[in-house]
């Protein structure tokens, strides 16, 4: 499955990047194609393109704050979770794909 994700935490430092790493790593292990954009202290990094979003079958928002440009995902299937869940138990997020 093609998946795009955004991670963001209030300070935009450690948890944002830890969540991104876990979502990418776990997604690959489960056979998914995953690209993660981070919105942190450095602003938007690894920004998702319109084509990547259009091709995605699912959007994961692992966020603890309101993200920039959320409207890009209008009309897409979205799973929204706290960033901590992406860090501690990313498999539980991917388990929701069947539900």
C-alpha atoms as a PDB file:
ATOM      1  CA  UNK A   1       0.000   0.000   0.000  1.00  0.00           C
ATOM      2  CA  UNK A   2       1.191   3.528  -0.761  1.00  0.00           C
ATOM      3  CA  UNK A   3       1.115   5.621   2.388  1.00  0.00           C
ATOM      4  CA  UNK A   4       2.075   9.195   3.147  1.00  0.00           C
ATOM      5  CA  UNK A   5       2.420  10.519   6.660  1.00  0.00           C
ATOM      6  CA  UNK A   6       3.073  13.705   8.599  1.00  0.00           C
ATOM      7  CA  UNK A   7       4.646  13.800  12.043  1.00  0.00           C
ATOM      8  CA  UNK A   8       4.625  16.827  14.350  1.00  0.00           C
ATOM      9  CA  UNK A   9       4.995  17.461  18.071  1.00  0.00           C
ATOM     10  CA  UNK A  10       4.742  20.691  20.096  1.00  0.00           C
ATOM     11  CA  UNK A  11       8.485  21.354  20.259  1.00  0.00           C
ATOM     12  CA  UNK A  12       9.159  19.895  16.824  1.00  0.00           C
ATOM     13  CA  UNK A  13      12.391  18.235  17.757  1.00  0.00           C
ATOM     14  CA  UNK A  14      12.907  14.678  19.000  1.00  0.00           C
ATOM     15  CA  UNK A  15       9.432  13.136  18.880  1.00  0.00           C
ATOM     16  CA  UNK A  16       8.690  14.452  15.390  1.00  0.00           C
ATOM     17  CA  UNK A  17      11.731  12.680  13.964  1.00  0.00           C
ATOM     18  CA  UNK A  18      11.452   9.565  16.117  1.00  0.00           C
ATOM     19  CA  UNK A  19       7.843   9.098  14.986  1.00  0.00           C
ATOM     20  CA  UNK A  20       8.837   9.554  11.338  1.00  0.00           C
ATOM     21  CA  UNK A  21      11.612   6.994  11.622  1.00  0.00           C
ATOM     22  CA  UNK A  22       9.359   4.407  13.276  1.00  0.00           C
ATOM     23  CA  UNK A  23       6.553   4.865  10.738  1.00  0.00           C
ATOM     24  CA  UNK A  24       8.963   4.464   7.806  1.00  0.00           C
ATOM     25  CA  UNK A  25      10.822   1.495   9.275  1.00  0.00           C
ATOM     26  CA  UNK A  26       7.727  -0.407  10.387  1.00  0.00           C
ATOM     27  CA  UNK A  27       5.854   0.362   7.172  1.00  0.00           C
ATOM     28  CA  UNK A  28       8.699  -1.016   5.057  1.00  0.00           C
ATOM     29  CA  UNK A  29       8.900  -4.141   7.243  1.00  0.00           C
ATOM     30  CA  UNK A  30       5.187  -4.708   6.608  1.00  0.00           C
ATOM     31  CA  UNK A  31       5.604  -4.273   2.848  1.00  0.00           C
ATOM     32  CA  UNK A  32       4.225  -0.753   2.450  1.00  0.00           C
ATOM     33  CA  UNK A  33       5.683   2.151   0.507  1.00  0.00           C
ATOM     34  CA  UNK A  34       5.851   4.993   3.035  1.00  0.00           C
ATOM     35  CA  UNK A  35       7.005   8.611   2.762  1.00  0.00           C
ATOM     36  CA  UNK A  36       6.941  10.805   5.837  1.00  0.00           C
ATOM     37  CA  UNK A  37       6.958  14.599   6.005  1.00  0.00           C
ATOM     38  CA  UNK A  38       8.089  16.180   9.259  1.00  0.00           C
ATOM     39  CA  UNK A  39       6.792  19.476  10.569  1.00  0.00           C
ATOM     40  CA  UNK A  40       9.106  20.566  13.319  1.00  0.00           C
ATOM     41  CA  UNK A  41      11.396  23.267  14.576  1.00  0.00           C
ATOM     42  CA  UNK A  42      12.972  23.508  11.105  1.00  0.00           C
ATOM     43  CA  UNK A  43       9.582  23.933   9.412  1.00  0.00           C
ATOM     44  CA  UNK A  44       8.347  21.432   6.829  1.00  0.00           C
ATOM     45  CA  UNK A  45      11.007  18.916   5.843  1.00  0.00           C
ATOM     46  CA  UNK A  46      10.807  16.106   3.296  1.00  0.00           C
ATOM     47  CA  UNK A  47       7.670  17.821   1.975  1.00  0.00           C
ATOM     48  CA  UNK A  48       5.151  15.572   0.290  1.00  0.00           C
ATOM     49  CA  UNK A  49       4.444  16.411  -3.340  1.00  0.00           C
ATOM     50  CA  UNK A  50       0.960  16.702  -4.790  1.00  0.00           C
ATOM     51  CA  UNK A  51       1.682  13.574  -6.866  1.00  0.00           C
ATOM     52  CA  UNK A  52       2.732  11.579  -3.788  1.00  0.00           C
ATOM     53  CA  UNK A  53      -0.414  12.611  -1.951  1.00  0.00           C
ATOM     54  CA  UNK A  54      -2.612  11.828  -4.972  1.00  0.00           C
ATOM     55  CA  UNK A  55      -1.045   8.352  -5.321  1.00  0.00           C
ATOM     56  CA  UNK A  56      -1.389   7.547  -1.624  1.00  0.00           C
ATOM     57  CA  UNK A  57      -4.071   5.134  -0.513  1.00  0.00           C
ATOM     58  CA  UNK A  58      -3.789   6.304   3.096  1.00  0.00           C
ATOM     59  CA  UNK A  59      -2.569   9.272   5.118  1.00  0.00           C
ATOM     60  CA  UNK A  60      -1.182   8.805   8.628  1.00  0.00           C
ATOM     61  CA  UNK A  61      -1.062  11.935  10.771  1.00  0.00           C
ATOM     62  CA  UNK A  62       1.049  11.242  13.865  1.00  0.00           C
ATOM     63  CA  UNK A  63       0.633  14.692  15.335  1.00  0.00           C
ATOM     64  CA  UNK A  64       0.196  16.453  18.651  1.00  0.00           C
ATOM     65  CA  UNK A  65      -0.355  19.901  17.140  1.00  0.00           C
ATOM     66  CA  UNK A  66      -2.261  21.361  14.195  1.00  0.00           C
ATOM     67  CA  UNK A  67      -0.218  20.886  11.041  1.00  0.00           C
ATOM     68  CA  UNK A  68       0.382  23.249   8.150  1.00  0.00           C
ATOM     69  CA  UNK A  69      -1.387  22.648   4.839  1.00  0.00           C
ATOM     70  CA  UNK A  70      -3.730  19.986   6.229  1.00  0.00           C
ATOM     71  CA  UNK A  71      -6.180  20.686   3.405  1.00  0.00           C
ATOM     72  CA  UNK A  72      -3.817  18.819   1.038  1.00  0.00           C
ATOM     73  CA  UNK A  73      -5.283  15.604   2.441  1.00  0.00           C
ATOM     74  CA  UNK A  74      -8.970  16.451   1.963  1.00  0.00           C
ATOM     75  CA  UNK A  75     -10.815  13.480   0.500  1.00  0.00           C
ATOM     76  CA  UNK A  76      -8.145  10.979   1.563  1.00  0.00           C
ATOM     77  CA  UNK A  77      -8.526   8.186   4.105  1.00  0.00           C
ATOM     78  CA  UNK A  78      -6.783   9.476   7.236  1.00  0.00           C
ATOM     79  CA  UNK A  79      -5.650   7.754  10.405  1.00  0.00           C
ATOM     80  CA  UNK A  80      -4.770  10.362  13.036  1.00  0.00           C
ATOM     81  CA  UNK A  81      -2.852   9.347  16.151  1.00  0.00           C
ATOM     82  CA  UNK A  82      -0.612  10.980  18.759  1.00  0.00           C
ATOM     83  CA  UNK A  83       3.078  11.112  17.826  1.00  0.00           C
ATOM     84  CA  UNK A  84       3.875   8.997  20.917  1.00  0.00           C
ATOM     85  CA  UNK A  85       1.883   6.070  19.487  1.00  0.00           C
ATOM     86  CA  UNK A  86       3.959   6.152  16.306  1.00  0.00           C
ATOM     87  CA  UNK A  87       7.096   5.974  18.440  1.00  0.00           C
ATOM     88  CA  UNK A  88       5.998   3.331  20.941  1.00  0.00           C
ATOM     89  CA  UNK A  89       3.666   1.089  18.917  1.00  0.00           C
ATOM     90  CA  UNK A  90       3.711   1.821  15.183  1.00  0.00           C
ATOM     91  CA  UNK A  91       2.436  -1.680  14.379  1.00  0.00           C
ATOM     92  CA  UNK A  92      -0.870  -0.824  16.068  1.00  0.00           C
ATOM     93  CA  UNK A  93      -1.320   2.011  13.562  1.00  0.00           C
ATOM     94  CA  UNK A  94      -0.705  -0.251  10.590  1.00  0.00           C
ATOM     95  CA  UNK A  95      -3.053  -2.849  12.123  1.00  0.00           C
ATOM     96  CA  UNK A  96      -5.883  -0.335  11.534  1.00  0.00           C
ATOM     97  CA  UNK A  97      -5.476  -0.628   7.761  1.00  0.00           C
ATOM     98  CA  UNK A  98      -7.825  -3.590   7.645  1.00  0.00           C
ATOM     99  CA  UNK A  99     -10.436  -1.952   9.847  1.00  0.00           C
END
